[in-house]
Structures are given as structure tokens and as C-alpha cells.
Amino acid sequence: MKNPLFVLIALWCGAAWATGPTSGEWSFRVLLDDSPIGEHRFTLAASGEERRLTSEAQFAVKLLGVTVYRYRHSATEQWRGDCLRQLASKTDDDGTPEKVDANATGDNALTVATAKGSQSLDGCVMSFAYWNPAIRKQERLLNAQTGKLEAVQVSRAGNGTVEVRGQPVAATRWRIATPAQPIDIWYSAEGEWIGLDSTVSGNRKLSYRLKP
């Protein structure tokens, strides 16, 4: 089941740490129409004045007991303040490989290389870094799977409750409108990223929920 809309998963200057955590770990169950299909884990650690994020995702979608779609993604990101300074990612999207390498060139630029070529991005660039509340102020975000800089619109989309490690938690929803489909990100009252919802091909619901 080839599904390019799963690209959204991978979708994650000079300021200090004020707008985001310096360390943390988010281990999510990934569900498709409320059925578990895998997990996605993020680990953030501080190193001097920089932050390093690693992420690993593994999905398998089954139909009548037969695996019809597989997805594997790994990425390492280096951050200074709220600006991405380095990115290395590898993806196997149901047999289609993708690779992105991005490196800072000077204080305010990033060169992004993929199999299709390279491009230079000026200014402070962020990826789809859901863990960092500064994402709410962005108008463009770098897709860690494809290497594309995507135009986005981020807005508050109301309140609700999200299951967090088996318990309902009051949360605020922020919507990231992308060229493909909107992504809803849930934050706790303390500003921690606690969930994600989106719609993928076939009008199916994709969700991230923190594991117990």
C-alpha cells in the first residue's frame, strides 16, 4: 500500500532555550483508525549550547493479517536555539528509499542535499519539530524525510482532551496546515507535546499517543 501522505511523519536563530525544552523523551504508539501500527520515539538531549534530537519510527499496516505497507524512518537533528544546524535522515517508505543531509553554512543558512540535488536555505530554519512550541510561529518548515521546505500556516484550534499514558489529559490543539493535509498537535497546560492527529489517504485517521 504505497502511501506518500505518510511523509508527514517525518515532518519534525541564536535564541536561547526559552521557547523549548533542553531535554526529553517522547515514546508514541502510532495508530491508524485507532488500531496500532507501530511506534515513533524521540529523544532530546543538550550538548553545550546545542540540542540533539534523535528519532526512530517503525510502522507496519496489515490487511487480513498480511502486511501491506511498511515504513521505517530515522533522523538525527542538531539545533542551536530554535535553528536547525544539521540533519541526517534515512527513510524506507514501503521500499522507496530517501535520504536527507543538511548542514549549516555560516551563521544564518542551511544547505540541504537529497538524491534530487541540493539547495541553500537562508534564515533560521526549523523542521517539523513538534516538541518545540516555537513551531507555532513558523511560516515554513523543513520536511526531514523529503528535504523540502514547506509553506505552513499554524493556528490555535481549540481545546480538548487527549489520552496520555492511559489517562485523559486536558490539552490545547494547534493545527499545522500543510500543502498536503492538516496536522493537529496537542500540548498540555504546561506546554509539553502530548499527541498528534492527522488524516491520510483514504480519509483514514493517523494518531500519536504517548505510551504508558
C-alpha atoms as a PDB file:
ATOM      1  CA  MET A   1       0.000   0.000   0.000  1.00  0.00           C
ATOM      2  CA  LYS A   2       2.049   2.918  -1.266  1.00  0.00           C
ATOM      3  CA  ASN A   3       1.063   5.982   0.717  1.00  0.00           C
ATOM      4  CA  PRO A   4       3.049   9.181   0.112  1.00  0.00           C
ATOM      5  CA  LEU A   5       0.985  11.003   2.715  1.00  0.00           C
ATOM      6  CA  PHE A   6       2.928   9.161   5.411  1.00  0.00           C
ATOM      7  CA  VAL A   7       5.643  11.702   4.574  1.00  0.00           C
ATOM      8  CA  LEU A   8       4.042  13.941   7.219  1.00  0.00           C
ATOM      9  CA  ILE A   9       5.553  11.754   9.917  1.00  0.00           C
ATOM     10  CA  ALA A  10       8.852  12.898   9.282  1.00  0.00           C
ATOM     11  CA  LEU A  11       7.645  16.207   9.109  1.00  0.00           C
ATOM     12  CA  TRP A  12       9.865  17.408  12.506  1.00  0.00           C
ATOM     13  CA  CYS A  13      18.158  31.694  15.346  1.00  0.00           C
ATOM     14  CA  GLY A  14      20.509  32.176  18.008  1.00  0.00           C
ATOM     15  CA  ALA A  15      17.843  32.377  20.693  1.00  0.00           C
ATOM     16  CA  ALA A  16      18.342  30.609  23.988  1.00  0.00           C
ATOM     17  CA  TRP A  17      16.266  27.740  25.350  1.00  0.00           C
ATOM     18  CA  ALA A  18      13.271  29.898  26.308  1.00  0.00           C
ATOM     19  CA  THR A  19      10.938  28.529  23.628  1.00  0.00           C
ATOM     20  CA  GLY A  20      11.507  24.816  24.054  1.00  0.00           C
ATOM     21  CA  PRO A  21      12.822  22.023  26.296  1.00  0.00           C
ATOM     22  CA  THR A  22      16.519  21.244  26.566  1.00  0.00           C
ATOM     23  CA  SER A  23      15.927  17.530  27.033  1.00  0.00           C
ATOM     24  CA  GLY A  24      13.129  14.992  26.997  1.00  0.00           C
ATOM     25  CA  GLU A  25      11.825  11.722  25.632  1.00  0.00           C
ATOM     26  CA  TRP A  26       8.577  11.084  23.789  1.00  0.00           C
ATOM     27  CA  SER A  27       7.656   7.482  23.008  1.00  0.00           C
ATOM     28  CA  PHE A  28       4.436   7.289  20.994  1.00  0.00           C
ATOM     29  CA  ARG A  29       2.159   4.482  19.952  1.00  0.00           C
ATOM     30  CA  VAL A  30       1.113   5.108  16.362  1.00  0.00           C
ATOM     31  CA  LEU A  31      -2.464   4.239  15.435  1.00  0.00           C
ATOM     32  CA  LEU A  32      -4.334   4.120  12.134  1.00  0.00           C
ATOM     33  CA  ASP A  33      -8.093   4.375  12.665  1.00  0.00           C
ATOM     34  CA  ASP A  34      -7.421   3.562  16.340  1.00  0.00           C
ATOM     35  CA  SER A  35      -5.549   0.321  15.503  1.00  0.00           C
ATOM     36  CA  PRO A  36      -1.859   0.165  16.488  1.00  0.00           C
ATOM     37  CA  ILE A  37       0.578   0.049  13.563  1.00  0.00           C
ATOM     38  CA  GLY A  38       3.901   0.840  15.261  1.00  0.00           C
ATOM     39  CA  GLU A  39       5.777   3.411  17.285  1.00  0.00           C
ATOM     40  CA  HIS A  40       7.776   6.615  16.952  1.00  0.00           C
ATOM     41  CA  ARG A  41      10.311   7.598  19.573  1.00  0.00           C
ATOM     42  CA  PHE A  42      12.046  10.954  20.048  1.00  0.00           C
ATOM     43  CA  THR A  43      14.968  11.686  22.378  1.00  0.00           C
ATOM     44  CA  LEU A  44      16.246  15.212  23.022  1.00  0.00           C
ATOM     45  CA  ALA A  45      19.496  15.992  24.849  1.00  0.00           C
ATOM     46  CA  ALA A  46      21.547  19.124  25.494  1.00  0.00           C
ATOM     47  CA  SER A  47      25.203  19.330  24.490  1.00  0.00           C
ATOM     48  CA  GLY A  48      26.784  22.620  25.486  1.00  0.00           C
ATOM     49  CA  GLU A  49      24.842  25.358  23.717  1.00  0.00           C
ATOM     50  CA  GLU A  50      23.178  22.931  21.339  1.00  0.00           C
ATOM     51  CA  ARG A  51      20.398  20.372  21.417  1.00  0.00           C
ATOM     52  CA  ARG A  52      20.474  16.980  19.693  1.00  0.00           C
ATOM     53  CA  LEU A  53      17.287  15.173  18.711  1.00  0.00           C
ATOM     54  CA  THR A  54      17.164  11.567  17.541  1.00  0.00           C
ATOM     55  CA  SER A  55      14.029   9.868  16.276  1.00  0.00           C
ATOM     56  CA  GLU A  56      13.122   6.355  15.154  1.00  0.00           C
ATOM     57  CA  ALA A  57       9.846   5.291  13.545  1.00  0.00           C
ATOM     58  CA  GLN A  58       8.621   1.843  12.516  1.00  0.00           C
ATOM     59  CA  PHE A  59       5.145   1.178  11.079  1.00  0.00           C
ATOM     60  CA  ALA A  60       3.507  -1.873   9.541  1.00  0.00           C
ATOM     61  CA  VAL A  61      -0.047  -1.742   8.198  1.00  0.00           C
ATOM     62  CA  LYS A  62      -1.804  -5.102   7.865  1.00  0.00           C
ATOM     63  CA  LEU A  63      -4.886  -6.214   5.977  1.00  0.00           C
ATOM     64  CA  LEU A  64      -6.414  -9.571   6.895  1.00  0.00           C
ATOM     65  CA  GLY A  65      -3.166 -10.476   8.648  1.00  0.00           C
ATOM     66  CA  VAL A  66      -0.982  -9.616   5.652  1.00  0.00           C
ATOM     67  CA  THR A  67       1.430  -6.672   5.835  1.00  0.00           C
ATOM     68  CA  VAL A  68       0.515  -4.311   3.000  1.00  0.00           C
ATOM     69  CA  TYR A  69       2.661  -1.309   3.939  1.00  0.00           C
ATOM     70  CA  ARG A  70       5.941  -0.794   5.821  1.00  0.00           C
ATOM     71  CA  TYR A  71       7.619   2.404   6.906  1.00  0.00           C
ATOM     72  CA  ARG A  72      10.997   2.971   8.567  1.00  0.00           C
ATOM     73  CA  HIS A  73      12.484   6.359   9.375  1.00  0.00           C
ATOM     74  CA  SER A  74      15.459   7.522  11.437  1.00  0.00           C
ATOM     75  CA  ALA A  75      16.812  11.030  11.882  1.00  0.00           C
ATOM     76  CA  THR A  76      19.330  12.994  13.902  1.00  0.00           C
ATOM     77  CA  GLU A  77      18.961  16.753  14.227  1.00  0.00           C
ATOM     78  CA  GLN A  78      21.365  19.276  15.747  1.00  0.00           C
ATOM     79  CA  TRP A  79      19.864  22.536  16.991  1.00  0.00           C
ATOM     80  CA  ARG A  80      21.219  25.860  18.211  1.00  0.00           C
ATOM     81  CA  GLY A  81      18.453  27.807  19.868  1.00  0.00           C
ATOM     82  CA  ASP A  82      15.440  27.345  17.615  1.00  0.00           C
ATOM     83  CA  CYS A  83      17.503  26.997  14.435  1.00  0.00           C
ATOM     84  CA  LEU A  84      18.324  23.699  12.775  1.00  0.00           C
ATOM     85  CA  ARG A  85      22.080  23.397  12.196  1.00  0.00           C
ATOM     86  CA  GLN A  86      22.386  19.810  10.994  1.00  0.00           C
ATOM     87  CA  LEU A  87      20.092  16.995   9.863  1.00  0.00           C
ATOM     88  CA  ALA A  88      20.738  13.444   8.716  1.00  0.00           C
ATOM     89  CA  SER A  89      17.784  11.203   7.916  1.00  0.00           C
ATOM     90  CA  LYS A  90      17.103   7.891   6.190  1.00  0.00           C
ATOM     91  CA  THR A  91      13.697   6.564   5.216  1.00  0.00           C
ATOM     92  CA  ASP A  92      12.341   3.376   3.709  1.00  0.00           C
ATOM     93  CA  ASP A  93       8.827   4.237   2.541  1.00  0.00           C
ATOM     94  CA  ASP A  94       7.482   0.812   1.601  1.00  0.00           C
ATOM     95  CA  GLY A  95      10.567   0.008  -0.457  1.00  0.00           C
ATOM     96  CA  THR A  96      11.309   3.535  -1.687  1.00  0.00           C
ATOM     97  CA  PRO A  97      14.500   4.871  -0.057  1.00  0.00           C
ATOM     98  CA  GLU A  98      15.009   8.539   0.782  1.00  0.00           C
ATOM     99  CA  LYS A  99      17.948  10.322   2.372  1.00  0.00           C
ATOM    100  CA  VAL A 100      18.439  13.900   3.527  1.00  0.00           C
ATOM    101  CA  ASP A 101      21.633  15.602   4.690  1.00  0.00           C
ATOM    102  CA  ALA A 102      21.542  19.219   5.832  1.00  0.00           C
ATOM    103  CA  ASN A 103      24.391  21.289   7.217  1.00  0.00           C
ATOM    104  CA  ALA A 104      24.774  24.871   8.368  1.00  0.00           C
ATOM    105  CA  THR A 105      26.709  27.146   6.018  1.00  0.00           C
ATOM    106  CA  GLY A 106      27.531  30.227   8.028  1.00  0.00           C
ATOM    107  CA  ASP A 107      25.507  31.640  10.882  1.00  0.00           C
ATOM    108  CA  ASN A 108      22.234  32.018   9.026  1.00  0.00           C
ATOM    109  CA  ALA A 109      21.988  29.490   6.206  1.00  0.00           C
ATOM    110  CA  LEU A 110      21.442  25.771   5.702  1.00  0.00           C
ATOM    111  CA  THR A 111      22.406  23.592   2.720  1.00  0.00           C
ATOM    112  CA  VAL A 112      20.054  20.659   2.169  1.00  0.00           C
ATOM    113  CA  ALA A 113      21.105  17.724  -0.025  1.00  0.00           C
ATOM    114  CA  THR A 114      18.899  14.900  -1.339  1.00  0.00           C
ATOM    115  CA  ALA A 115      19.129  12.436  -4.226  1.00  0.00           C
ATOM    116  CA  LYS A 116      17.426  15.086  -6.378  1.00  0.00           C
ATOM    117  CA  GLY A 117      20.048  17.750  -5.720  1.00  0.00           C
ATOM    118  CA  SER A 118      20.860  20.414  -3.156  1.00  0.00           C
ATOM    119  CA  GLN A 119      19.501  23.800  -2.162  1.00  0.00           C
ATOM    120  CA  SER A 120      20.579  26.632   0.115  1.00  0.00           C
ATOM    121  CA  LEU A 121      18.051  27.959   2.631  1.00  0.00           C
ATOM    122  CA  ASP A 122      18.546  31.367   4.193  1.00  0.00           C
ATOM    123  CA  GLY A 123      17.488  32.366   7.665  1.00  0.00           C
ATOM    124  CA  CYS A 124      16.614  30.342  10.739  1.00  0.00           C
ATOM    125  CA  VAL A 125      15.114  27.067   9.522  1.00  0.00           C
ATOM    126  CA  MET A 126      13.017  24.724  11.645  1.00  0.00           C
ATOM    127  CA  SER A 127      11.932  21.186  10.813  1.00  0.00           C
ATOM    128  CA  PHE A 128       8.555  19.773  11.893  1.00  0.00           C
ATOM    129  CA  ALA A 129       9.803  19.958  15.492  1.00  0.00           C
ATOM    130  CA  TYR A 130       6.522  19.290  17.290  1.00  0.00           C
ATOM    131  CA  TRP A 131       8.362  19.105  20.633  1.00  0.00           C
ATOM    132  CA  ASN A 132       9.323  22.785  20.377  1.00  0.00           C
ATOM    133  CA  PRO A 133       6.484  25.307  20.960  1.00  0.00           C
ATOM    134  CA  ALA A 134       8.374  27.780  18.724  1.00  0.00           C
ATOM    135  CA  ILE A 135       6.954  25.820  15.786  1.00  0.00           C
ATOM    136  CA  ARG A 136       3.688  27.718  16.330  1.00  0.00           C
ATOM    137  CA  LYS A 137       5.279  30.917  14.964  1.00  0.00           C
ATOM    138  CA  GLN A 138       6.676  29.434  11.750  1.00  0.00           C
ATOM    139  CA  GLU A 139       5.571  30.025   8.164  1.00  0.00           C
ATOM    140  CA  ARG A 140       7.823  27.381   6.619  1.00  0.00           C
ATOM    141  CA  LEU A 141       9.153  24.064   7.900  1.00  0.00           C
ATOM    142  CA  LEU A 142      11.715  21.607   6.563  1.00  0.00           C
ATOM    143  CA  ASN A 143      10.396  18.101   5.883  1.00  0.00           C
ATOM    144  CA  ALA A 144      13.005  15.726   7.351  1.00  0.00           C
ATOM    145  CA  GLN A 145      12.015  12.900   5.009  1.00  0.00           C
ATOM    146  CA  THR A 146      11.945  14.710   1.658  1.00  0.00           C
ATOM    147  CA  GLY A 147      14.225  17.695   2.289  1.00  0.00           C
ATOM    148  CA  LYS A 148      11.535  20.066   1.016  1.00  0.00           C
ATOM    149  CA  LEU A 149      10.908  23.422   2.658  1.00  0.00           C
ATOM    150  CA  GLU A 150       7.115  23.534   3.008  1.00  0.00           C
ATOM    151  CA  ALA A 151       4.898  26.566   3.447  1.00  0.00           C
ATOM    152  CA  VAL A 152       2.693  26.172   6.520  1.00  0.00           C
ATOM    153  CA  GLN A 153       0.064  28.054   8.477  1.00  0.00           C
ATOM    154  CA  VAL A 154      -0.063  27.379  12.207  1.00  0.00           C
ATOM    155  CA  SER A 155      -3.073  28.363  14.293  1.00  0.00           C
ATOM    156  CA  ARG A 156      -4.731  27.513  17.576  1.00  0.00           C
ATOM    157  CA  ALA A 157      -7.648  25.140  17.010  1.00  0.00           C
ATOM    158  CA  GLY A 158      -9.367  24.901  20.376  1.00  0.00           C
ATOM    159  CA  ASN A 159      -9.203  22.726  23.468  1.00  0.00           C
ATOM    160  CA  GLY A 160      -9.987  19.104  24.223  1.00  0.00           C
ATOM    161  CA  THR A 161      -8.704  16.007  25.949  1.00  0.00           C
ATOM    162  CA  VAL A 162      -6.028  13.549  24.837  1.00  0.00           C
ATOM    163  CA  GLU A 163      -5.208  10.138  26.259  1.00  0.00           C
ATOM    164  CA  VAL A 164      -1.745  10.317  27.825  1.00  0.00           C
ATOM    165  CA  ARG A 165      -0.340   7.021  29.071  1.00  0.00           C
ATOM    166  CA  GLY A 166      -3.858   5.712  29.507  1.00  0.00           C
ATOM    167  CA  GLN A 167      -5.324   8.784  31.225  1.00  0.00           C
ATOM    168  CA  PRO A 168      -7.368  11.683  29.739  1.00  0.00           C
ATOM    169  CA  VAL A 169      -5.490  14.991  29.916  1.00  0.00           C
ATOM    170  CA  ALA A 170      -6.803  18.476  29.136  1.00  0.00           C
ATOM    171  CA  ALA A 171      -4.933  19.835  26.134  1.00  0.00           C
ATOM    172  CA  THR A 172      -4.753  22.627  23.573  1.00  0.00           C
ATOM    173  CA  ARG A 173      -4.802  21.767  19.883  1.00  0.00           C
ATOM    174  CA  TRP A 174      -2.681  23.618  17.319  1.00  0.00           C
ATOM    175  CA  ARG A 175      -3.225  22.996  13.624  1.00  0.00           C
ATOM    176  CA  ILE A 176      -0.392  22.987  11.078  1.00  0.00           C
ATOM    177  CA  ALA A 177      -1.923  23.478   7.627  1.00  0.00           C
ATOM    178  CA  THR A 178       0.418  21.966   5.021  1.00  0.00           C
ATOM    179  CA  PRO A 179       0.152  21.628   1.208  1.00  0.00           C
ATOM    180  CA  ALA A 180      -0.983  18.007   1.671  1.00  0.00           C
ATOM    181  CA  GLN A 181      -3.207  17.869   4.763  1.00  0.00           C
ATOM    182  CA  PRO A 182      -3.527  19.492   8.213  1.00  0.00           C
ATOM    183  CA  ILE A 183      -1.663  18.095  11.195  1.00  0.00           C
ATOM    184  CA  ASP A 184      -3.152  18.643  14.671  1.00  0.00           C
ATOM    185  CA  ILE A 185      -0.635  18.859  17.520  1.00  0.00           C
ATOM    186  CA  TRP A 186      -1.734  18.590  21.148  1.00  0.00           C
ATOM    187  CA  TYR A 187       0.034  20.348  24.043  1.00  0.00           C
ATOM    188  CA  SER A 188      -0.592  20.046  27.772  1.00  0.00           C
ATOM    189  CA  ALA A 189      -1.262  23.036  30.009  1.00  0.00           C
ATOM    190  CA  GLU A 190       2.473  23.050  30.758  1.00  0.00           C
ATOM    191  CA  GLY A 191       3.307  23.270  27.054  1.00  0.00           C
ATOM    192  CA  GLU A 192       4.516  19.675  26.604  1.00  0.00           C
ATOM    193  CA  TRP A 193       3.834  17.907  23.314  1.00  0.00           C
ATOM    194  CA  ILE A 194       1.480  15.035  24.143  1.00  0.00           C
ATOM    195  CA  GLY A 195      -0.229  13.941  20.921  1.00  0.00           C
ATOM    196  CA  LEU A 196      -0.759  14.227  17.168  1.00  0.00           C
ATOM    197  CA  ASP A 197      -3.675  13.595  14.804  1.00  0.00           C
ATOM    198  CA  SER A 198      -3.905  13.812  11.039  1.00  0.00           C
ATOM    199  CA  THR A 199      -5.819  12.421   8.073  1.00  0.00           C
ATOM    200  CA  VAL A 200      -4.018  10.332   5.449  1.00  0.00           C
ATOM    201  CA  SER A 201      -5.058   8.607   2.212  1.00  0.00           C
ATOM    202  CA  GLY A 202      -8.495   7.047   2.171  1.00  0.00           C
ATOM    203  CA  ASN A 203      -9.688   9.551   4.791  1.00  0.00           C
ATOM    204  CA  ARG A 204      -8.036   7.433   7.488  1.00  0.00           C
ATOM    205  CA  LYS A 205      -7.029   8.887  10.852  1.00  0.00           C
ATOM    206  CA  LEU A 206      -3.406   8.708  11.960  1.00  0.00           C
ATOM    207  CA  SER A 207      -2.723   9.334  15.672  1.00  0.00           C
ATOM    208  CA  TYR A 208       0.226   9.510  18.068  1.00  0.00           C
ATOM    209  CA  ARG A 209      -0.439   8.727  21.722  1.00  0.00           C
ATOM    210  CA  LEU A 210       2.191   8.582  24.460  1.00  0.00           C
ATOM    211  CA  LYS A 211       2.951   5.058  25.617  1.00  0.00           C
ATOM    212  CA  PRO A 212       2.452   4.047  29.274  1.00  0.00           C
END
